[in-house]
């Protein structure tokens, strides 16, 4: 069964950091551009980051630019999302999904994504 699995969520104080992981089951991440979405209560699901496996290009929404990084080191390793200087407005359920790039540009809406993880909760609160 093809599956994406997120991990690493939790409770953190404002200004703190978390690292999320996105691993694959049933297929390899080597050939898929991996994106991250988040959804806060009552809000639309927001696509905020993507990494292109072909060329390593990364993309970020303005809301997280400069605070979040996305990376993938080696074959079979997960995709990592490093989140620094977290703010209360970052509180949401975080999802990884694929593919996030259509060969021309980053896909920021949910349409076209064939694979989704189950989500991991990130709560930023004092």
N, C-alpha and C. Protein backbone atom coordinates (compact mmCIF):
# COMPACT_ATOMS: atom_id res chain seq x y z
N UNK A 1 0.85 -1.19 0.00
CA UNK A 1 0.00 0.00 0.00
C UNK A 1 0.88 1.24 0.00
N UNK A 2 0.57 2.18 -0.89
CA UNK A 2 1.34 3.41 -1.00
C UNK A 2 0.88 4.38 0.08
N UNK A 3 1.84 4.89 0.84
CA UNK A 3 1.48 5.72 1.97
C UNK A 3 2.61 6.71 2.27
N UNK A 4 2.22 7.92 2.71
CA UNK A 4 3.16 8.88 3.28
C UNK A 4 2.87 8.95 4.77
N UNK A 5 3.93 9.08 5.56
CA UNK A 5 3.77 9.11 7.01
C UNK A 5 4.57 10.26 7.58
N UNK A 6 3.87 11.18 8.27
CA UNK A 6 4.53 12.29 8.93
C UNK A 6 4.82 11.93 10.39
N UNK A 7 5.85 12.55 10.91
CA UNK A 7 6.16 12.42 12.34
C UNK A 7 6.89 13.66 12.80
N UNK A 8 6.97 13.83 14.11
CA UNK A 8 7.74 14.93 14.68
C UNK A 8 6.93 16.08 15.22
N UNK A 9 5.62 16.01 15.11
CA UNK A 9 4.81 17.09 15.66
C UNK A 9 4.82 17.09 17.18
N UNK A 10 4.26 18.15 17.74
CA UNK A 10 4.19 18.24 19.20
C UNK A 10 3.86 19.63 19.65
N UNK A 11 4.07 19.86 20.94
CA UNK A 11 3.81 21.15 21.57
C UNK A 11 5.14 21.88 21.78
N UNK A 12 5.19 23.13 21.37
CA UNK A 12 6.42 23.91 21.51
C UNK A 12 6.05 25.34 21.88
N UNK A 13 6.94 26.01 22.62
CA UNK A 13 6.73 27.40 22.99
C UNK A 13 7.01 28.32 21.81
N UNK A 14 6.41 29.49 21.80
CA UNK A 14 6.75 30.46 20.75
C UNK A 14 8.25 30.73 20.71
N UNK A 15 8.80 30.78 19.49
CA UNK A 15 10.23 30.94 19.33
C UNK A 15 10.99 29.63 19.27
N UNK A 16 10.32 28.54 19.57
CA UNK A 16 10.97 27.23 19.56
C UNK A 16 11.04 26.62 18.17
N UNK A 17 11.56 25.39 18.13
CA UNK A 17 11.78 24.70 16.86
C UNK A 17 11.22 23.28 16.91
N UNK A 18 10.87 22.79 15.75
CA UNK A 18 10.49 21.39 15.57
C UNK A 18 11.00 20.93 14.22
N UNK A 19 11.26 19.64 14.10
CA UNK A 19 11.59 19.06 12.81
C UNK A 19 10.60 17.97 12.49
N UNK A 20 9.89 18.14 11.40
CA UNK A 20 8.96 17.13 10.93
C UNK A 20 9.63 16.25 9.88
N UNK A 21 9.21 14.99 9.83
CA UNK A 21 9.70 14.05 8.82
C UNK A 21 8.54 13.53 8.00
N UNK A 22 8.82 13.27 6.75
CA UNK A 22 7.85 12.66 5.85
C UNK A 22 8.52 11.44 5.23
N UNK A 23 8.03 10.25 5.59
CA UNK A 23 8.58 9.01 5.06
C UNK A 23 7.55 8.36 4.15
N UNK A 24 8.05 7.47 3.30
CA UNK A 24 7.17 6.80 2.34
C UNK A 24 7.12 5.31 2.61
N UNK A 25 5.96 4.75 2.39
CA UNK A 25 5.76 3.31 2.49
C UNK A 25 5.11 2.83 1.20
N UNK A 26 5.72 1.85 0.56
CA UNK A 26 5.14 1.33 -0.67
C UNK A 26 5.65 1.98 -1.93
N UNK A 27 6.43 3.04 -1.80
CA UNK A 27 7.08 3.65 -2.95
C UNK A 27 8.27 4.45 -2.44
N UNK A 28 9.11 4.92 -3.36
CA UNK A 28 10.29 5.66 -2.97
C UNK A 28 10.06 7.16 -3.16
N UNK A 29 10.62 7.93 -2.25
CA UNK A 29 10.54 9.37 -2.36
C UNK A 29 11.48 9.92 -3.41
N UNK A 30 12.40 9.06 -3.91
CA UNK A 30 13.43 9.53 -4.83
C UNK A 30 12.86 10.14 -6.10
N UNK A 31 11.66 9.75 -6.48
CA UNK A 31 11.13 10.17 -7.76
C UNK A 31 9.90 11.06 -7.63
N UNK A 32 9.68 11.59 -6.43
CA UNK A 32 8.50 12.40 -6.20
C UNK A 32 8.87 13.71 -5.55
N UNK A 33 8.31 14.79 -6.07
CA UNK A 33 8.46 16.08 -5.44
C UNK A 33 7.52 16.13 -4.24
N UNK A 34 8.05 16.47 -3.08
CA UNK A 34 7.29 16.39 -1.84
C UNK A 34 6.95 17.79 -1.34
N UNK A 35 5.69 17.95 -1.01
CA UNK A 35 5.23 19.23 -0.50
C UNK A 35 4.66 19.10 0.91
N UNK A 36 4.53 20.25 1.57
CA UNK A 36 3.92 20.31 2.90
C UNK A 36 2.73 21.25 2.87
N UNK A 37 1.66 20.79 3.52
CA UNK A 37 0.47 21.59 3.73
C UNK A 37 0.22 21.68 5.23
N UNK A 38 -0.59 22.63 5.62
CA UNK A 38 -1.04 22.69 6.99
C UNK A 38 -2.47 23.20 7.01
N UNK A 39 -3.19 22.80 8.04
CA UNK A 39 -4.58 23.21 8.17
C UNK A 39 -4.89 23.51 9.62
N UNK A 40 -5.22 24.77 9.87
CA UNK A 40 -5.63 25.20 11.21
C UNK A 40 -7.15 25.03 11.32
N UNK A 41 -7.67 24.92 12.54
CA UNK A 41 -9.12 24.77 12.73
C UNK A 41 -9.89 25.89 12.04
N UNK A 42 -10.87 25.51 11.24
CA UNK A 42 -11.70 26.49 10.56
C UNK A 42 -11.07 27.14 9.35
N UNK A 43 -9.86 26.72 8.99
CA UNK A 43 -9.15 27.33 7.87
C UNK A 43 -9.03 26.35 6.71
N UNK A 44 -8.73 26.91 5.54
CA UNK A 44 -8.43 26.09 4.38
C UNK A 44 -7.05 25.44 4.54
N UNK A 45 -6.88 24.29 3.90
CA UNK A 45 -5.55 23.66 3.91
C UNK A 45 -4.62 24.48 3.03
N UNK A 46 -3.48 24.85 3.59
CA UNK A 46 -2.54 25.76 2.93
C UNK A 46 -1.27 25.02 2.52
N UNK A 47 -0.92 25.10 1.25
CA UNK A 47 0.35 24.56 0.79
C UNK A 47 1.43 25.59 1.02
N UNK A 48 2.47 25.26 1.78
CA UNK A 48 3.46 26.27 2.14
C UNK A 48 4.88 25.92 1.78
N UNK A 49 5.16 24.69 1.31
CA UNK A 49 6.53 24.35 0.95
C UNK A 49 6.56 23.17 -0.02
N UNK A 50 7.65 23.09 -0.77
CA UNK A 50 7.82 22.02 -1.76
C UNK A 50 9.31 21.85 -2.03
N UNK A 51 9.73 20.62 -2.27
CA UNK A 51 11.10 20.37 -2.72
C UNK A 51 11.05 19.55 -3.99
N UNK A 52 11.75 20.03 -5.00
CA UNK A 52 11.83 19.33 -6.27
C UNK A 52 12.96 18.31 -6.20
N UNK A 53 12.64 17.05 -6.35
CA UNK A 53 13.65 16.01 -6.26
C UNK A 53 14.59 16.08 -7.47
N UNK A 54 14.10 16.54 -8.61
CA UNK A 54 14.91 16.58 -9.82
C UNK A 54 16.09 17.52 -9.66
N UNK A 55 15.85 18.73 -9.13
CA UNK A 55 16.93 19.72 -9.10
C UNK A 55 17.19 20.28 -7.71
N UNK A 56 16.43 19.82 -6.73
CA UNK A 56 16.66 20.29 -5.36
C UNK A 56 16.10 21.65 -5.07
N UNK A 57 15.41 22.26 -6.03
CA UNK A 57 14.83 23.58 -5.76
C UNK A 57 13.78 23.47 -4.65
N UNK A 58 13.75 24.51 -3.82
CA UNK A 58 12.77 24.55 -2.73
C UNK A 58 11.90 25.79 -2.86
N UNK A 59 10.70 25.69 -2.33
CA UNK A 59 9.71 26.75 -2.46
C UNK A 59 9.03 26.94 -1.11
N UNK A 60 8.74 28.21 -0.78
CA UNK A 60 8.11 28.51 0.49
C UNK A 60 7.10 29.63 0.33
N UNK A 61 6.00 29.49 1.08
CA UNK A 61 5.06 30.60 1.16
C UNK A 61 5.66 31.72 2.00
N UNK A 62 5.20 32.93 1.77
CA UNK A 62 5.72 34.07 2.51
C UNK A 62 5.54 33.90 4.02
N UNK A 63 4.49 33.19 4.42
CA UNK A 63 4.19 33.04 5.84
C UNK A 63 5.26 32.26 6.59
N UNK A 64 6.07 31.47 5.89
CA UNK A 64 7.09 30.66 6.57
C UNK A 64 8.50 30.93 6.05
N UNK A 65 8.62 31.75 5.01
CA UNK A 65 9.92 31.99 4.40
C UNK A 65 10.88 32.60 5.41
N UNK A 66 12.09 32.06 5.45
CA UNK A 66 13.09 32.54 6.39
C UNK A 66 13.06 31.83 7.73
N UNK A 67 12.00 31.11 8.00
CA UNK A 67 11.88 30.37 9.27
C UNK A 67 11.90 28.86 9.07
N UNK A 68 11.37 28.40 7.95
CA UNK A 68 11.27 26.97 7.67
C UNK A 68 12.25 26.60 6.55
N UNK A 69 12.81 25.40 6.64
CA UNK A 69 13.60 24.85 5.54
C UNK A 69 13.12 23.42 5.26
N UNK A 70 13.29 23.00 4.01
CA UNK A 70 12.90 21.66 3.59
C UNK A 70 14.11 21.00 2.96
N UNK A 71 14.31 19.71 3.25
CA UNK A 71 15.51 19.07 2.75
C UNK A 71 15.29 17.57 2.58
N UNK A 72 16.14 16.99 1.75
CA UNK A 72 16.19 15.53 1.59
C UNK A 72 17.62 15.19 1.26
N UNK A 73 18.26 14.40 2.12
CA UNK A 73 19.69 14.18 1.97
C UNK A 73 20.01 13.09 0.96
N UNK A 74 19.62 11.89 1.25
CA UNK A 74 20.04 10.74 0.47
C UNK A 74 18.86 9.85 0.11
N UNK A 75 19.12 8.94 -0.76
CA UNK A 75 18.12 7.98 -1.18
C UNK A 75 17.57 7.24 0.04
N UNK A 76 16.29 7.07 0.06
CA UNK A 76 15.55 6.34 1.10
C UNK A 76 15.41 7.12 2.39
N UNK A 77 16.05 8.29 2.48
CA UNK A 77 15.85 9.11 3.68
C UNK A 77 14.56 9.90 3.56
N UNK A 78 13.98 10.24 4.72
CA UNK A 78 12.75 11.04 4.66
C UNK A 78 13.02 12.45 4.13
N UNK A 79 11.96 13.14 3.83
CA UNK A 79 12.02 14.57 3.60
C UNK A 79 11.81 15.24 4.95
N UNK A 80 12.66 16.21 5.26
CA UNK A 80 12.59 16.89 6.54
C UNK A 80 12.07 18.31 6.38
N UNK A 81 11.29 18.73 7.33
CA UNK A 81 10.85 20.13 7.41
C UNK A 81 11.33 20.67 8.75
N UNK A 82 12.32 21.54 8.69
CA UNK A 82 12.85 22.19 9.90
C UNK A 82 12.10 23.49 10.11
N UNK A 83 11.48 23.62 11.26
CA UNK A 83 10.68 24.81 11.57
C UNK A 83 11.29 25.53 12.76
N UNK A 84 11.74 26.75 12.52
CA UNK A 84 12.37 27.56 13.56
C UNK A 84 11.53 28.80 13.84
N UNK A 85 11.79 29.40 15.00
CA UNK A 85 11.08 30.62 15.39
C UNK A 85 9.57 30.45 15.21
N UNK A 86 9.06 29.39 15.76
CA UNK A 86 7.64 29.08 15.60
C UNK A 86 6.76 30.11 16.31
N UNK A 87 5.62 30.36 15.70
CA UNK A 87 4.67 31.35 16.22
C UNK A 87 3.33 30.67 16.50
N UNK A 88 2.52 31.24 17.36
CA UNK A 88 1.21 30.64 17.63
C UNK A 88 0.38 30.43 16.36
N UNK A 89 0.54 31.29 15.38
CA UNK A 89 -0.23 31.14 14.14
C UNK A 89 0.26 29.98 13.27
N UNK A 90 1.36 29.35 13.67
CA UNK A 90 1.81 28.14 12.97
C UNK A 90 1.08 26.89 13.47
N UNK A 91 0.28 27.04 14.51
CA UNK A 91 -0.47 25.91 15.04
C UNK A 91 -1.42 25.36 14.00
N UNK A 92 -1.30 24.06 13.71
CA UNK A 92 -2.10 23.42 12.66
C UNK A 92 -1.76 21.94 12.62
N UNK A 93 -2.54 21.21 11.84
CA UNK A 93 -2.16 19.85 11.47
C UNK A 93 -1.34 19.95 10.19
N UNK A 94 -0.17 19.31 10.20
CA UNK A 94 0.77 19.39 9.09
C UNK A 94 0.74 18.09 8.29
N UNK A 95 0.65 18.23 6.97
CA UNK A 95 0.57 17.09 6.07
C UNK A 95 1.68 17.15 5.03
N UNK A 96 2.27 16.00 4.70
CA UNK A 96 3.11 15.96 3.51
C UNK A 96 2.29 15.32 2.39
N UNK A 97 2.64 15.67 1.17
CA UNK A 97 1.86 15.24 0.01
C UNK A 97 2.75 15.25 -1.23
N UNK A 98 2.31 14.50 -2.24
CA UNK A 98 3.08 14.42 -3.49
C UNK A 98 2.14 14.22 -4.68
N UNK A 99 2.55 14.68 -5.84
CA UNK A 99 3.71 15.50 -6.14
C UNK A 99 3.40 16.98 -6.04
N UNK A 100 4.36 17.79 -5.64
CA UNK A 100 4.10 19.20 -5.41
C UNK A 100 4.54 20.08 -6.59
N UNK A 101 5.14 19.48 -7.60
CA UNK A 101 5.63 20.26 -8.74
C UNK A 101 5.16 19.59 -10.01
N UNK A 102 4.62 20.36 -10.94
CA UNK A 102 4.09 19.78 -12.18
C UNK A 102 5.07 19.83 -13.33
N UNK A 103 6.32 20.12 -13.03
CA UNK A 103 7.33 20.23 -14.07
C UNK A 103 7.57 21.65 -14.53
N UNK A 104 6.59 22.51 -14.20
CA UNK A 104 6.76 23.93 -14.55
C UNK A 104 6.75 24.81 -13.32
N UNK A 105 5.94 24.45 -12.35
CA UNK A 105 5.83 25.29 -11.17
C UNK A 105 5.32 24.49 -9.98
N UNK A 106 5.45 25.08 -8.82
CA UNK A 106 4.97 24.52 -7.57
C UNK A 106 3.46 24.57 -7.55
N UNK A 107 2.84 23.46 -7.19
CA UNK A 107 1.39 23.38 -7.07
C UNK A 107 0.99 23.69 -5.64
N UNK A 108 0.37 24.82 -5.40
CA UNK A 108 0.07 25.24 -4.03
C UNK A 108 -1.33 24.84 -3.58
N UNK A 109 -2.17 24.39 -4.50
CA UNK A 109 -3.50 23.95 -4.11
C UNK A 109 -3.52 22.42 -4.03
N UNK A 110 -4.59 21.87 -3.44
CA UNK A 110 -4.64 20.44 -3.18
C UNK A 110 -4.86 19.60 -4.44
N UNK A 111 -5.40 20.24 -5.48
CA UNK A 111 -5.68 19.50 -6.71
C UNK A 111 -4.40 18.98 -7.31
N UNK A 112 -4.43 17.75 -7.77
CA UNK A 112 -3.29 17.17 -8.44
C UNK A 112 -2.39 16.36 -7.53
N UNK A 113 -2.62 16.44 -6.23
CA UNK A 113 -1.81 15.65 -5.30
C UNK A 113 -2.43 14.27 -5.17
N UNK A 114 -1.63 13.23 -5.45
CA UNK A 114 -2.16 11.87 -5.41
C UNK A 114 -1.88 11.15 -4.11
N UNK A 115 -0.91 11.65 -3.37
CA UNK A 115 -0.52 10.97 -2.13
C UNK A 115 -0.55 11.96 -0.97
N UNK A 116 -1.12 11.52 0.15
CA UNK A 116 -1.20 12.35 1.35
C UNK A 116 -0.84 11.51 2.57
N UNK A 117 -0.22 12.17 3.55
CA UNK A 117 -0.04 11.54 4.84
C UNK A 117 -1.26 11.77 5.71
N UNK A 118 -1.21 11.22 6.90
CA UNK A 118 -2.35 11.30 7.81
C UNK A 118 -2.33 12.58 8.65
N UNK A 119 -1.20 13.27 8.64
CA UNK A 119 -1.07 14.53 9.37
C UNK A 119 -0.46 14.36 10.74
N UNK A 120 0.21 15.41 11.19
CA UNK A 120 0.78 15.45 12.53
C UNK A 120 0.48 16.83 13.12
N UNK A 121 0.09 16.86 14.39
CA UNK A 121 -0.33 18.10 15.03
C UNK A 121 0.89 18.88 15.51
N UNK A 122 0.91 20.16 15.19
CA UNK A 122 1.90 21.09 15.72
C UNK A 122 1.14 22.17 16.48
N UNK A 123 1.49 22.33 17.75
CA UNK A 123 0.85 23.34 18.59
C UNK A 123 1.93 24.26 19.16
N UNK A 124 1.78 25.55 18.91
CA UNK A 124 2.72 26.55 19.41
C UNK A 124 1.98 27.39 20.43
N UNK A 125 2.39 27.25 21.67
CA UNK A 125 1.66 27.92 22.75
C UNK A 125 2.57 28.08 23.96
N UNK A 126 2.35 29.18 24.67
CA UNK A 126 3.10 29.39 25.90
C UNK A 126 2.35 28.80 27.10
